[in-house]
Amino acid sequence: MAQQEQVTNKICTLANLVSAVRLCMVPAYLVLLLDGHDVLAAFMFALAASTDFVDGQLARRTHTVSRLGQLLDPAVDRLLMIAGVLGLLLVGRLPLWIIVVVIARDLFLLCGAAYLLRFQKRVAVIYLGKVATTFLFIGFAGLLLNLPLIPGLGVCDIAWLPGFNGESVSWGIWFVYVGLVLALVTTVVYVSRGVAALKEARCERVAISCD
């Protein structure tokens, strides 16, 4: 069995620097989008999203996995996700219900993670969650570019279901739908593991108080 990576309290690591740079890309993306620079905004968003795995790989390969990095990496992903949907809402390319689902889910997971830290517990990111995030990021990038537009399926006349109605829409919306489904599945998994972690923490506290 592979040896578990030691976690350090270091702050100034190469991996944390990459995470910090990705964090700075979030407001830059919003400024570009709201200024009407769709291509540049899409590039900035895609660059921040595509480098998601870099900081984690750097930390593991350089043996500098840090507690700050364990918090900063997923936090940047969540902030990028929230900024992505808010920007697309402001330019009218995503319906409100998708924004509500994405932001509510991310805030729920962030609050849950913060609560677990009170008990010195955390739930590791699962692979399916990364896949869901990748689908969402690709979909958002497609919606940012807003081309090419493809005809909707025309199976309904509901305005807030882009792709299913008859209006032409960016191909990115289908990646968003797949990402949403996977994201909701992973939420169930995270909640289950979070509850298990809380039970473990309570058992540990009981054992300590009995000693």
N, C-alpha and C. Protein backbone atom coordinates (compact mmCIF):
# COMPACT_ATOMS: atom_id res chain seq x y z
N MET A 1 0.85 -1.19 0.00
CA MET A 1 0.00 0.00 0.00
C MET A 1 0.88 1.23 0.00
N ALA A 2 0.52 2.26 -0.80
CA ALA A 2 1.32 3.46 -0.91
C ALA A 2 1.33 4.22 0.41
N GLN A 3 2.48 4.83 0.72
CA GLN A 3 2.62 5.58 1.96
C GLN A 3 1.80 6.86 1.88
N GLN A 4 1.07 7.19 2.96
CA GLN A 4 0.23 8.38 2.97
C GLN A 4 1.11 9.62 3.00
N GLU A 5 0.73 10.63 2.19
CA GLU A 5 1.51 11.86 2.08
C GLU A 5 1.43 12.64 3.38
N GLN A 6 2.60 13.08 3.88
CA GLN A 6 2.63 13.85 5.11
C GLN A 6 2.14 15.28 4.84
N VAL A 7 1.29 15.78 5.72
CA VAL A 7 0.73 17.12 5.58
C VAL A 7 1.53 18.07 6.45
N THR A 8 1.93 19.22 5.87
CA THR A 8 2.75 20.20 6.60
C THR A 8 1.96 21.48 6.84
N ASN A 9 2.55 22.37 7.64
CA ASN A 9 1.95 23.68 7.92
C ASN A 9 2.58 24.77 7.05
N LYS A 10 3.36 24.40 6.04
CA LYS A 10 4.00 25.38 5.19
C LYS A 10 2.97 26.20 4.42
N ILE A 11 3.28 27.47 4.24
CA ILE A 11 2.42 28.38 3.48
C ILE A 11 3.03 28.69 2.12
N CYS A 12 4.32 29.01 2.12
CA CYS A 12 5.01 29.41 0.88
C CYS A 12 5.51 28.17 0.14
N THR A 13 4.62 27.54 -0.59
CA THR A 13 4.99 26.40 -1.44
C THR A 13 4.61 26.71 -2.88
N LEU A 14 5.21 26.01 -3.82
CA LEU A 14 4.91 26.23 -5.23
C LEU A 14 3.44 25.91 -5.53
N ALA A 15 2.93 24.87 -4.91
CA ALA A 15 1.54 24.49 -5.14
C ALA A 15 0.58 25.58 -4.65
N ASN A 16 0.88 26.16 -3.48
CA ASN A 16 0.03 27.23 -2.96
C ASN A 16 0.13 28.49 -3.81
N LEU A 17 1.30 28.72 -4.42
CA LEU A 17 1.46 29.86 -5.32
C LEU A 17 0.56 29.70 -6.54
N VAL A 18 0.52 28.47 -7.09
CA VAL A 18 -0.35 28.21 -8.25
C VAL A 18 -1.81 28.45 -7.86
N SER A 19 -2.20 27.98 -6.67
CA SER A 19 -3.57 28.19 -6.21
C SER A 19 -3.88 29.68 -6.07
N ALA A 20 -2.90 30.45 -5.56
CA ALA A 20 -3.10 31.89 -5.40
C ALA A 20 -3.26 32.58 -6.75
N VAL A 21 -2.46 32.16 -7.74
CA VAL A 21 -2.58 32.74 -9.08
C VAL A 21 -3.95 32.42 -9.67
N ARG A 22 -4.40 31.17 -9.49
CA ARG A 22 -5.74 30.79 -9.97
C ARG A 22 -6.82 31.64 -9.30
N LEU A 23 -6.63 31.93 -8.03
CA LEU A 23 -7.58 32.76 -7.30
C LEU A 23 -7.66 34.17 -7.91
N CYS A 24 -6.52 34.71 -8.31
CA CYS A 24 -6.49 36.05 -8.92
C CYS A 24 -7.16 36.07 -10.29
N MET A 25 -7.23 34.91 -10.94
CA MET A 25 -7.87 34.84 -12.25
C MET A 25 -9.39 35.00 -12.17
N VAL A 26 -9.96 34.74 -10.99
CA VAL A 26 -11.41 34.80 -10.84
C VAL A 26 -11.95 36.21 -11.07
N PRO A 27 -11.45 37.23 -10.35
CA PRO A 27 -11.94 38.59 -10.64
C PRO A 27 -11.55 39.08 -12.02
N ALA A 28 -10.39 38.62 -12.52
CA ALA A 28 -9.97 39.03 -13.87
C ALA A 28 -10.97 38.53 -14.91
N TYR A 29 -11.44 37.31 -14.74
CA TYR A 29 -12.44 36.75 -15.65
C TYR A 29 -13.71 37.58 -15.65
N LEU A 30 -14.19 37.95 -14.45
CA LEU A 30 -15.43 38.71 -14.34
C LEU A 30 -15.30 40.08 -15.00
N VAL A 31 -14.17 40.74 -14.80
CA VAL A 31 -13.95 42.06 -15.40
C VAL A 31 -13.97 41.96 -16.92
N LEU A 32 -13.28 40.97 -17.47
CA LEU A 32 -13.24 40.79 -18.92
C LEU A 32 -14.62 40.49 -19.48
N LEU A 33 -15.37 39.63 -18.79
CA LEU A 33 -16.70 39.26 -19.28
C LEU A 33 -17.64 40.46 -19.28
N LEU A 34 -17.65 41.20 -18.19
CA LEU A 34 -18.57 42.34 -18.07
C LEU A 34 -18.16 43.50 -18.98
N ASP A 35 -16.90 43.51 -19.41
CA ASP A 35 -16.45 44.52 -20.37
C ASP A 35 -16.72 44.10 -21.81
N GLY A 36 -17.32 42.93 -22.00
CA GLY A 36 -17.69 42.47 -23.34
C GLY A 36 -16.62 41.71 -24.07
N HIS A 37 -15.54 41.32 -23.38
CA HIS A 37 -14.46 40.56 -24.02
C HIS A 37 -14.71 39.07 -23.84
N ASP A 38 -15.67 38.53 -24.61
CA ASP A 38 -16.08 37.14 -24.43
C ASP A 38 -14.95 36.14 -24.62
N VAL A 39 -14.16 36.33 -25.68
CA VAL A 39 -13.08 35.38 -25.98
C VAL A 39 -12.02 35.39 -24.89
N LEU A 40 -11.62 36.60 -24.46
CA LEU A 40 -10.61 36.71 -23.41
C LEU A 40 -11.14 36.18 -22.08
N ALA A 41 -12.42 36.45 -21.80
CA ALA A 41 -13.02 35.94 -20.57
C ALA A 41 -13.06 34.42 -20.58
N ALA A 42 -13.43 33.86 -21.74
CA ALA A 42 -13.48 32.40 -21.87
C ALA A 42 -12.08 31.81 -21.70
N PHE A 43 -11.07 32.48 -22.27
CA PHE A 43 -9.68 32.00 -22.14
C PHE A 43 -9.24 32.05 -20.68
N MET A 44 -9.53 33.16 -19.98
CA MET A 44 -9.13 33.29 -18.57
C MET A 44 -9.81 32.24 -17.72
N PHE A 45 -11.10 32.03 -17.96
CA PHE A 45 -11.85 31.03 -17.20
C PHE A 45 -11.31 29.63 -17.49
N ALA A 46 -11.09 29.33 -18.77
CA ALA A 46 -10.59 28.00 -19.15
C ALA A 46 -9.20 27.75 -18.56
N LEU A 47 -8.35 28.78 -18.54
CA LEU A 47 -7.01 28.64 -17.98
C LEU A 47 -7.07 28.35 -16.48
N ALA A 48 -7.92 29.09 -15.77
CA ALA A 48 -8.06 28.86 -14.32
C ALA A 48 -8.64 27.48 -14.04
N ALA A 49 -9.59 27.06 -14.88
CA ALA A 49 -10.22 25.75 -14.67
C ALA A 49 -9.30 24.60 -15.04
N SER A 50 -8.57 24.75 -16.16
CA SER A 50 -7.74 23.65 -16.65
C SER A 50 -6.51 23.41 -15.79
N THR A 51 -6.12 24.40 -14.98
CA THR A 51 -4.97 24.23 -14.10
C THR A 51 -5.38 23.71 -12.73
N ASP A 52 -6.63 23.25 -12.63
CA ASP A 52 -7.14 22.74 -11.36
C ASP A 52 -6.27 21.63 -10.79
N PHE A 53 -5.79 20.74 -11.66
CA PHE A 53 -5.03 19.58 -11.19
C PHE A 53 -3.57 19.91 -10.90
N VAL A 54 -3.08 21.07 -11.39
CA VAL A 54 -1.65 21.39 -11.32
C VAL A 54 -1.19 21.54 -9.88
N ASP A 55 -1.94 22.33 -9.08
CA ASP A 55 -1.49 22.57 -7.71
C ASP A 55 -1.45 21.29 -6.89
N GLY A 56 -2.46 20.44 -7.06
CA GLY A 56 -2.46 19.17 -6.34
C GLY A 56 -1.32 18.26 -6.74
N GLN A 57 -1.07 18.17 -8.05
CA GLN A 57 0.04 17.35 -8.53
C GLN A 57 1.39 17.88 -8.03
N LEU A 58 1.56 19.19 -8.06
CA LEU A 58 2.81 19.80 -7.58
C LEU A 58 3.04 19.48 -6.11
N ALA A 59 1.96 19.60 -5.33
CA ALA A 59 2.08 19.35 -3.89
C ALA A 59 2.51 17.91 -3.62
N ARG A 60 1.90 16.97 -4.36
CA ARG A 60 2.24 15.56 -4.13
C ARG A 60 3.62 15.20 -4.65
N ARG A 61 3.97 15.70 -5.83
CA ARG A 61 5.25 15.34 -6.43
C ARG A 61 6.44 16.00 -5.73
N THR A 62 6.21 17.17 -5.12
CA THR A 62 7.28 17.85 -4.39
C THR A 62 7.21 17.59 -2.89
N HIS A 63 6.26 16.73 -2.49
CA HIS A 63 6.09 16.36 -1.08
C HIS A 63 5.87 17.60 -0.21
N THR A 64 5.02 18.51 -0.70
CA THR A 64 4.71 19.74 0.04
C THR A 64 3.20 19.89 0.22
N VAL A 65 2.52 18.77 0.47
CA VAL A 65 1.09 18.85 0.75
C VAL A 65 0.91 19.60 2.06
N SER A 66 0.15 20.69 2.02
CA SER A 66 0.00 21.54 3.20
C SER A 66 -1.46 21.66 3.60
N ARG A 67 -1.68 22.02 4.85
CA ARG A 67 -3.04 22.22 5.32
C ARG A 67 -3.70 23.41 4.61
N LEU A 68 -2.91 24.45 4.35
CA LEU A 68 -3.44 25.58 3.60
C LEU A 68 -3.85 25.16 2.20
N GLY A 69 -3.03 24.35 1.56
CA GLY A 69 -3.34 23.89 0.21
C GLY A 69 -4.58 23.03 0.16
N GLN A 70 -4.78 22.21 1.19
CA GLN A 70 -5.96 21.35 1.25
C GLN A 70 -7.24 22.17 1.35
N LEU A 71 -7.14 23.37 1.91
CA LEU A 71 -8.29 24.26 1.98
C LEU A 71 -8.38 25.17 0.76
N LEU A 72 -7.23 25.67 0.32
CA LEU A 72 -7.20 26.66 -0.76
C LEU A 72 -7.61 26.07 -2.10
N ASP A 73 -7.14 24.87 -2.41
CA ASP A 73 -7.42 24.26 -3.72
C ASP A 73 -8.92 24.09 -3.96
N PRO A 74 -9.66 23.40 -3.07
CA PRO A 74 -11.11 23.27 -3.31
C PRO A 74 -11.84 24.60 -3.19
N ALA A 75 -11.34 25.52 -2.35
CA ALA A 75 -11.99 26.82 -2.20
C ALA A 75 -11.91 27.62 -3.50
N VAL A 76 -10.76 27.57 -4.17
CA VAL A 76 -10.62 28.25 -5.45
C VAL A 76 -11.56 27.65 -6.49
N ASP A 77 -11.68 26.33 -6.48
CA ASP A 77 -12.61 25.66 -7.40
C ASP A 77 -14.04 26.15 -7.18
N ARG A 78 -14.43 26.24 -5.91
CA ARG A 78 -15.79 26.67 -5.59
C ARG A 78 -16.00 28.14 -5.99
N LEU A 79 -15.02 29.00 -5.70
CA LEU A 79 -15.14 30.41 -6.06
C LEU A 79 -15.20 30.59 -7.57
N LEU A 80 -14.40 29.82 -8.28
CA LEU A 80 -14.41 29.88 -9.74
C LEU A 80 -15.76 29.43 -10.28
N MET A 81 -16.32 28.39 -9.67
CA MET A 81 -17.63 27.90 -10.08
C MET A 81 -18.70 28.96 -9.86
N ILE A 82 -18.69 29.58 -8.68
CA ILE A 82 -19.68 30.60 -8.35
C ILE A 82 -19.53 31.81 -9.27
N ALA A 83 -18.27 32.25 -9.48
CA ALA A 83 -18.03 33.39 -10.37
C ALA A 83 -18.46 33.06 -11.79
N GLY A 84 -18.25 31.80 -12.20
CA GLY A 84 -18.62 31.39 -13.55
C GLY A 84 -20.11 31.52 -13.79
N VAL A 85 -20.92 31.00 -12.87
CA VAL A 85 -22.37 31.04 -13.06
C VAL A 85 -22.92 32.45 -12.88
N LEU A 86 -22.36 33.22 -11.95
CA LEU A 86 -22.82 34.59 -11.76
C LEU A 86 -22.55 35.43 -13.00
N GLY A 87 -21.36 35.26 -13.58
CA GLY A 87 -21.03 36.00 -14.79
C GLY A 87 -21.96 35.66 -15.94
N LEU A 88 -22.25 34.36 -16.10
CA LEU A 88 -23.15 33.93 -17.17
C LEU A 88 -24.58 34.39 -16.93
N LEU A 89 -24.98 34.51 -15.66
CA LEU A 89 -26.30 35.05 -15.35
C LEU A 89 -26.37 36.53 -15.73
N LEU A 90 -25.32 37.27 -15.40
CA LEU A 90 -25.31 38.70 -15.68
C LEU A 90 -25.36 39.01 -17.17
N VAL A 91 -24.80 38.12 -17.99
CA VAL A 91 -24.84 38.35 -19.44
C VAL A 91 -25.99 37.59 -20.10
N GLY A 92 -26.85 36.96 -19.28
CA GLY A 92 -28.06 36.34 -19.79
C GLY A 92 -27.88 35.05 -20.55
N ARG A 93 -26.89 34.23 -20.18
CA ARG A 93 -26.66 32.98 -20.91
C ARG A 93 -26.95 31.74 -20.08
N LEU A 94 -27.37 31.92 -18.85
CA LEU A 94 -27.78 30.78 -18.01
C LEU A 94 -29.06 31.16 -17.29
N PRO A 95 -30.03 30.23 -17.19
CA PRO A 95 -31.25 30.52 -16.43
C PRO A 95 -30.96 30.55 -14.93
N LEU A 96 -31.80 31.25 -14.22
CA LEU A 96 -31.58 31.47 -12.79
C LEU A 96 -31.55 30.17 -12.00
N TRP A 97 -32.35 29.17 -12.36
CA TRP A 97 -32.42 27.96 -11.55
C TRP A 97 -31.10 27.19 -11.53
N ILE A 98 -30.36 27.24 -12.64
CA ILE A 98 -29.06 26.56 -12.66
C ILE A 98 -28.09 27.28 -11.72
N ILE A 99 -28.13 28.60 -11.73
CA ILE A 99 -27.26 29.39 -10.84
C ILE A 99 -27.58 29.06 -9.38
N VAL A 100 -28.88 28.99 -9.07
CA VAL A 100 -29.30 28.70 -7.69
C VAL A 100 -28.81 27.32 -7.26
N VAL A 101 -28.96 26.31 -8.13
CA VAL A 101 -28.53 24.95 -7.79
C VAL A 101 -27.02 24.90 -7.56
N VAL A 102 -26.26 25.50 -8.47
CA VAL A 102 -24.79 25.45 -8.36
C VAL A 102 -24.30 26.17 -7.11
N ILE A 103 -24.80 27.39 -6.88
CA ILE A 103 -24.33 28.17 -5.74
C ILE A 103 -24.79 27.56 -4.43
N ALA A 104 -26.05 27.11 -4.37
CA ALA A 104 -26.55 26.50 -3.14
C ALA A 104 -25.76 25.26 -2.79
N ARG A 105 -25.45 24.43 -3.80
CA ARG A 105 -24.67 23.22 -3.56
C ARG A 105 -23.29 23.56 -3.04
N ASP A 106 -22.62 24.52 -3.69
CA ASP A 106 -21.26 24.86 -3.29
C ASP A 106 -21.21 25.48 -1.90
N LEU A 107 -22.15 26.36 -1.59
CA LEU A 107 -22.19 26.96 -0.26
C LEU A 107 -22.48 25.90 0.80
N PHE A 108 -23.34 24.96 0.46
CA PHE A 108 -23.66 23.87 1.38
C PHE A 108 -22.41 23.04 1.68
N LEU A 109 -21.64 22.71 0.63
CA LEU A 109 -20.43 21.91 0.82
C LEU A 109 -19.36 22.69 1.58
N LEU A 110 -19.24 24.00 1.30
CA LEU A 110 -18.26 24.82 2.01
C LEU A 110 -18.61 24.91 3.50
N CYS A 111 -19.89 25.11 3.81
CA CYS A 111 -20.31 25.18 5.20
C CYS A 111 -20.11 23.84 5.90
N GLY A 112 -20.41 22.76 5.17
CA GLY A 112 -20.20 21.44 5.74
C GLY A 112 -18.74 21.16 6.03
N ALA A 113 -17.87 21.55 5.10
CA ALA A 113 -16.43 21.35 5.30
C ALA A 113 -15.92 22.17 6.49
N ALA A 114 -16.41 23.42 6.61
CA ALA A 114 -16.00 24.27 7.73
C ALA A 114 -16.47 23.68 9.06
N TYR A 115 -17.66 23.11 9.07
CA TYR A 115 -18.17 22.49 10.29
C TYR A 115 -17.35 21.27 10.68
N LEU A 116 -16.96 20.47 9.69
CA LEU A 116 -16.15 19.29 9.98
C LEU A 116 -14.79 19.67 10.55
N LEU A 117 -14.24 20.81 10.10
CA LEU A 117 -12.93 21.24 10.59
C LEU A 117 -12.95 21.53 12.09
N ARG A 118 -14.12 21.87 12.61
CA ARG A 118 -14.23 22.09 14.06
C ARG A 118 -13.91 20.82 14.83
N PHE A 119 -14.12 19.69 14.18
CA PHE A 119 -13.84 18.39 14.79
C PHE A 119 -12.55 17.79 14.24
N GLN A 120 -11.78 18.64 13.52
CA GLN A 120 -10.52 18.22 12.90
C GLN A 120 -10.74 17.05 11.94
N LYS A 121 -11.82 17.13 11.19
CA LYS A 121 -12.15 16.12 10.20
C LYS A 121 -12.34 16.79 8.84
N ARG A 122 -12.08 16.06 7.79
CA ARG A 122 -12.34 16.55 6.45
C ARG A 122 -12.69 15.37 5.55
N VAL A 123 -13.45 15.64 4.52
CA VAL A 123 -13.82 14.62 3.53
C VAL A 123 -12.98 14.85 2.28
N ALA A 124 -12.25 13.84 1.87
CA ALA A 124 -11.39 13.98 0.70
C ALA A 124 -12.23 14.14 -0.57
N VAL A 125 -11.69 14.91 -1.51
CA VAL A 125 -12.36 15.10 -2.79
C VAL A 125 -12.40 13.77 -3.54
N ILE A 126 -13.56 13.41 -4.06
CA ILE A 126 -13.68 12.15 -4.80
C ILE A 126 -13.52 12.40 -6.30
N TYR A 127 -13.12 11.37 -7.01
CA TYR A 127 -12.85 11.50 -8.45
C TYR A 127 -14.08 11.95 -9.22
N LEU A 128 -15.24 11.41 -8.87
CA LEU A 128 -16.47 11.77 -9.57
C LEU A 128 -16.77 13.26 -9.42
N GLY A 129 -16.41 13.82 -8.27
CA GLY A 129 -16.59 15.25 -8.06
C GLY A 129 -15.73 16.06 -9.02
N LYS A 130 -14.51 15.60 -9.25
CA LYS A 130 -13.63 16.28 -10.20
C LYS A 130 -14.20 16.18 -11.61
N VAL A 131 -14.78 15.04 -11.95
CA VAL A 131 -15.39 14.87 -13.27
C VAL A 131 -16.57 15.83 -13.43
N ALA A 132 -17.40 15.94 -12.40
CA ALA A 132 -18.54 16.85 -12.44
C ALA A 132 -18.08 18.29 -12.63
N THR A 133 -17.05 18.67 -11.88
CA THR A 133 -16.51 20.03 -12.00
C THR A 133 -15.96 20.28 -13.40
N THR A 134 -15.30 19.28 -13.97
CA THR A 134 -14.73 19.41 -15.32
C THR A 134 -15.84 19.63 -16.35
N PHE A 135 -16.91 18.86 -16.25
CA PHE A 135 -18.03 19.03 -17.18
C PHE A 135 -18.64 20.43 -17.05
N LEU A 136 -18.81 20.90 -15.82
CA LEU A 136 -19.37 22.23 -15.62
C LEU A 136 -18.46 23.31 -16.17
N PHE A 137 -17.17 23.18 -15.91
CA PHE A 137 -16.22 24.18 -16.40
C PHE A 137 -16.20 24.22 -17.93
N ILE A 138 -16.21 23.05 -18.57
CA ILE A 138 -16.23 23.01 -20.04
C ILE A 138 -17.51 23.66 -20.56
N GLY A 139 -18.63 23.34 -19.91
CA GLY A 139 -19.90 23.92 -20.31
C GLY A 139 -19.91 25.44 -20.16
N PHE A 140 -19.38 25.93 -19.05
CA PHE A 140 -19.34 27.37 -18.84
C PHE A 140 -18.47 28.06 -19.88
N ALA A 141 -17.32 27.43 -20.19
CA ALA A 141 -16.43 28.01 -21.20
C ALA A 141 -17.14 28.09 -22.56
N GLY A 142 -17.91 27.04 -22.89
CA GLY A 142 -18.66 27.05 -24.14
C GLY A 142 -19.70 28.16 -24.16
N LEU A 143 -20.39 28.36 -23.04
CA LEU A 143 -21.39 29.42 -22.95
C LEU A 143 -20.74 30.80 -22.99
N LEU A 144 -19.54 30.90 -22.47
CA LEU A 144 -18.82 32.18 -22.52
C LEU A 144 -18.47 32.54 -23.96
N LEU A 145 -17.98 31.57 -24.70
CA LEU A 145 -17.67 31.81 -26.11
C LEU A 145 -18.94 32.11 -26.91
N ASN A 146 -20.02 31.42 -26.51
CA ASN A 146 -21.33 31.60 -27.15
C ASN A 146 -21.31 31.28 -28.64
N LEU A 147 -20.47 30.36 -29.04
CA LEU A 147 -20.43 29.89 -30.43
C LEU A 147 -19.65 28.57 -30.45
N PRO A 148 -20.02 27.69 -31.41
CA PRO A 148 -21.15 27.85 -32.33
C PRO A 148 -22.47 27.57 -31.62
N LEU A 149 -23.55 28.19 -32.11
CA LEU A 149 -24.88 27.95 -31.58
C LEU A 149 -25.50 26.77 -32.32
N ILE A 150 -26.19 25.90 -31.59
CA ILE A 150 -26.84 24.75 -32.21
C ILE A 150 -28.34 24.80 -31.90
N PRO A 151 -29.18 24.26 -32.77
CA PRO A 151 -30.62 24.30 -32.54
C PRO A 151 -31.01 23.49 -31.29
N GLY A 152 -32.04 23.96 -30.59
CA GLY A 152 -32.56 23.21 -29.46
C GLY A 152 -33.33 21.99 -29.91
N LEU A 153 -33.62 21.09 -29.00
CA LEU A 153 -34.33 19.85 -29.34
C LEU A 153 -35.79 20.11 -29.68
N GLY A 154 -36.34 21.18 -29.16
CA GLY A 154 -37.74 21.51 -29.47
C GLY A 154 -38.76 20.59 -28.82
N VAL A 155 -38.40 19.98 -27.70
CA VAL A 155 -39.33 19.06 -27.04
C VAL A 155 -40.26 19.78 -26.07
N CYS A 156 -40.01 21.07 -25.83
CA CYS A 156 -40.87 21.86 -24.95
C CYS A 156 -40.76 23.33 -25.34
N ASP A 157 -41.63 24.13 -24.74
CA ASP A 157 -41.61 25.58 -24.99
C ASP A 157 -41.21 26.36 -23.74
N ILE A 158 -40.53 25.69 -22.83
CA ILE A 158 -40.16 26.30 -21.55
C ILE A 158 -38.87 27.11 -21.72
N ALA A 159 -38.96 28.41 -21.47
CA ALA A 159 -37.82 29.31 -21.71
C ALA A 159 -36.63 29.00 -20.81
N TRP A 160 -36.90 28.50 -19.58
CA TRP A 160 -35.80 28.28 -18.64
C TRP A 160 -35.17 26.89 -18.78
N LEU A 161 -35.45 26.20 -19.90
CA LEU A 161 -34.79 24.93 -20.20
C LEU A 161 -34.05 25.04 -21.54
N PRO A 162 -33.01 25.86 -21.59
CA PRO A 162 -32.27 26.01 -22.85
C PRO A 162 -31.73 24.67 -23.34
N GLY A 163 -31.85 24.46 -24.65
CA GLY A 163 -31.42 23.19 -25.23
C GLY A 163 -32.59 22.26 -25.46
N PHE A 164 -33.53 22.25 -24.54
CA PHE A 164 -34.72 21.42 -24.68
C PHE A 164 -35.83 22.13 -25.44
N ASN A 165 -35.81 23.48 -25.41
CA ASN A 165 -36.80 24.22 -26.20
C ASN A 165 -36.27 24.40 -27.63
N GLY A 166 -36.95 25.20 -28.42
CA GLY A 166 -36.56 25.33 -29.83
C GLY A 166 -35.54 26.40 -30.11
N GLU A 167 -35.10 27.15 -29.08
CA GLU A 167 -34.14 28.23 -29.29
C GLU A 167 -32.73 27.69 -29.50
N SER A 168 -31.99 28.35 -30.38
CA SER A 168 -30.59 27.98 -30.57
C SER A 168 -29.79 28.33 -29.32
N VAL A 169 -28.82 27.50 -28.99
CA VAL A 169 -28.07 27.68 -27.76
C VAL A 169 -26.65 27.17 -27.95
N SER A 170 -25.74 27.63 -27.13
CA SER A 170 -24.36 27.14 -27.19
C SER A 170 -24.29 25.66 -26.83
N TRP A 171 -23.38 24.95 -27.46
CA TRP A 171 -23.17 23.53 -27.16
C TRP A 171 -22.81 23.30 -25.69
N GLY A 172 -22.31 24.33 -25.04
CA GLY A 172 -21.87 24.18 -23.65
C GLY A 172 -22.97 23.82 -22.68
N ILE A 173 -24.23 24.13 -23.04
CA ILE A 173 -25.32 23.86 -22.11
C ILE A 173 -25.46 22.38 -21.81
N TRP A 174 -25.13 21.50 -22.77
CA TRP A 174 -25.26 20.06 -22.54
C TRP A 174 -24.19 19.55 -21.57
N PHE A 175 -23.01 20.15 -21.61
CA PHE A 175 -21.99 19.81 -20.61
C PHE A 175 -22.43 20.27 -19.23
N VAL A 176 -23.10 21.42 -19.17
CA VAL A 176 -23.61 21.91 -17.89
C VAL A 176 -24.63 20.96 -17.30
N TYR A 177 -25.54 20.47 -18.12
CA TYR A 177 -26.57 19.54 -17.63
C TYR A 177 -25.94 18.26 -17.07
N VAL A 178 -24.98 17.69 -17.81
CA VAL A 178 -24.31 16.48 -17.33
C VAL A 178 -23.56 16.77 -16.03
N GLY A 179 -22.87 17.91 -15.99
CA GLY A 179 -22.15 18.28 -14.78
C GLY A 179 -23.05 18.45 -13.59
N LEU A 180 -24.25 19.01 -13.79
CA LEU A 180 -25.20 19.19 -12.70
C LEU A 180 -25.64 17.85 -12.12
N VAL A 181 -25.96 16.90 -12.99
CA VAL A 181 -26.38 15.59 -12.53
C VAL A 181 -25.28 14.92 -11.71
N LEU A 182 -24.06 14.95 -12.23
CA LEU A 182 -22.93 14.34 -11.51
C LEU A 182 -22.66 15.08 -10.19
N ALA A 183 -22.81 16.39 -10.21
CA ALA A 183 -22.57 17.18 -9.00
C ALA A 183 -23.57 16.83 -7.90
N LEU A 184 -24.82 16.62 -8.27
CA LEU A 184 -25.82 16.25 -7.27
C LEU A 184 -25.56 14.86 -6.70
N VAL A 185 -25.08 13.95 -7.57
CA VAL A 185 -24.73 12.60 -7.10
C VAL A 185 -23.58 12.68 -6.10
N THR A 186 -22.56 13.46 -6.42
CA THR A 186 -21.41 13.56 -5.52
C THR A 186 -21.80 14.25 -4.20
N THR A 187 -22.78 15.14 -4.25
CA THR A 187 -23.23 15.79 -3.02
C THR A 187 -23.77 14.76 -2.04
N VAL A 188 -24.52 13.79 -2.55
CA VAL A 188 -25.04 12.72 -1.70
C VAL A 188 -23.89 11.94 -1.08
N VAL A 189 -22.86 11.67 -1.88
CA VAL A 189 -21.70 10.93 -1.37
C VAL A 189 -20.98 11.73 -0.29
N TYR A 190 -20.77 13.04 -0.53
CA TYR A 190 -20.07 13.88 0.44
C TYR A 190 -20.85 13.96 1.76
N VAL A 191 -22.17 14.09 1.66
CA VAL A 191 -22.99 14.16 2.87
C VAL A 191 -22.87 12.86 3.66
N SER A 192 -22.92 11.73 2.96
CA SER A 192 -22.80 10.43 3.62
C SER A 192 -21.46 10.30 4.33
N ARG A 193 -20.39 10.70 3.64
CA ARG A 193 -19.06 10.60 4.26
C ARG A 193 -18.88 11.62 5.37
N GLY A 194 -19.50 12.78 5.23
CA GLY A 194 -19.43 13.79 6.29
C GLY A 194 -20.11 13.33 7.56
N VAL A 195 -21.28 12.70 7.42
CA VAL A 195 -21.99 12.16 8.57
C VAL A 195 -21.15 11.08 9.25
N ALA A 196 -20.52 10.24 8.44
CA ALA A 196 -19.66 9.18 9.01
C ALA A 196 -18.48 9.79 9.76
N ALA A 197 -17.90 10.87 9.21
CA ALA A 197 -16.77 11.53 9.87
C ALA A 197 -17.20 12.15 11.20
N LEU A 198 -18.40 12.73 11.24
CA LEU A 198 -18.91 13.29 12.49
C LEU A 198 -19.12 12.20 13.55
N LYS A 199 -19.67 11.08 13.13
CA LYS A 199 -19.87 9.96 14.07
C LYS A 199 -18.53 9.49 14.63
N GLU A 200 -17.53 9.42 13.75
CA GLU A 200 -16.19 9.00 14.19
C GLU A 200 -15.61 10.00 15.18
N ALA A 201 -15.81 11.30 14.92
CA ALA A 201 -15.29 12.32 15.82
C ALA A 201 -15.95 12.25 17.19
N ARG A 202 -17.24 12.01 17.20
CA ARG A 202 -17.95 11.90 18.48
C ARG A 202 -17.51 10.67 19.26
N CYS A 203 -17.28 9.58 18.55
CA CYS A 203 -16.78 8.36 19.22
C CYS A 203 -15.40 8.60 19.82
N GLU A 204 -14.57 9.33 19.08
CA GLU A 204 -13.22 9.63 19.59
C GLU A 204 -13.29 10.50 20.84
N ARG A 205 -14.23 11.47 20.86
CA ARG A 205 -14.37 12.34 22.02
C ARG A 205 -14.84 11.55 23.24
N VAL A 206 -15.78 10.64 23.01
CA VAL A 206 -16.28 9.80 24.10
C VAL A 206 -15.16 8.93 24.66
N ALA A 207 -14.34 8.37 23.76
CA ALA A 207 -13.24 7.52 24.20
C ALA A 207 -12.23 8.29 25.01
N ILE A 208 -11.95 9.54 24.61
CA ILE A 208 -10.98 10.37 25.33
C ILE A 208 -11.51 10.74 26.70
N SER A 209 -12.82 11.10 26.76
CA SER A 209 -13.39 11.50 28.05
C SER A 209 -13.46 10.35 29.04
N CYS A 210 -13.50 9.12 28.52
CA CYS A 210 -13.57 7.94 29.39
C CYS A 210 -12.19 7.52 29.91
N ASP A 211 -11.12 7.99 29.26
CA ASP A 211 -9.77 7.60 29.69
C ASP A 211 -9.35 8.33 30.94
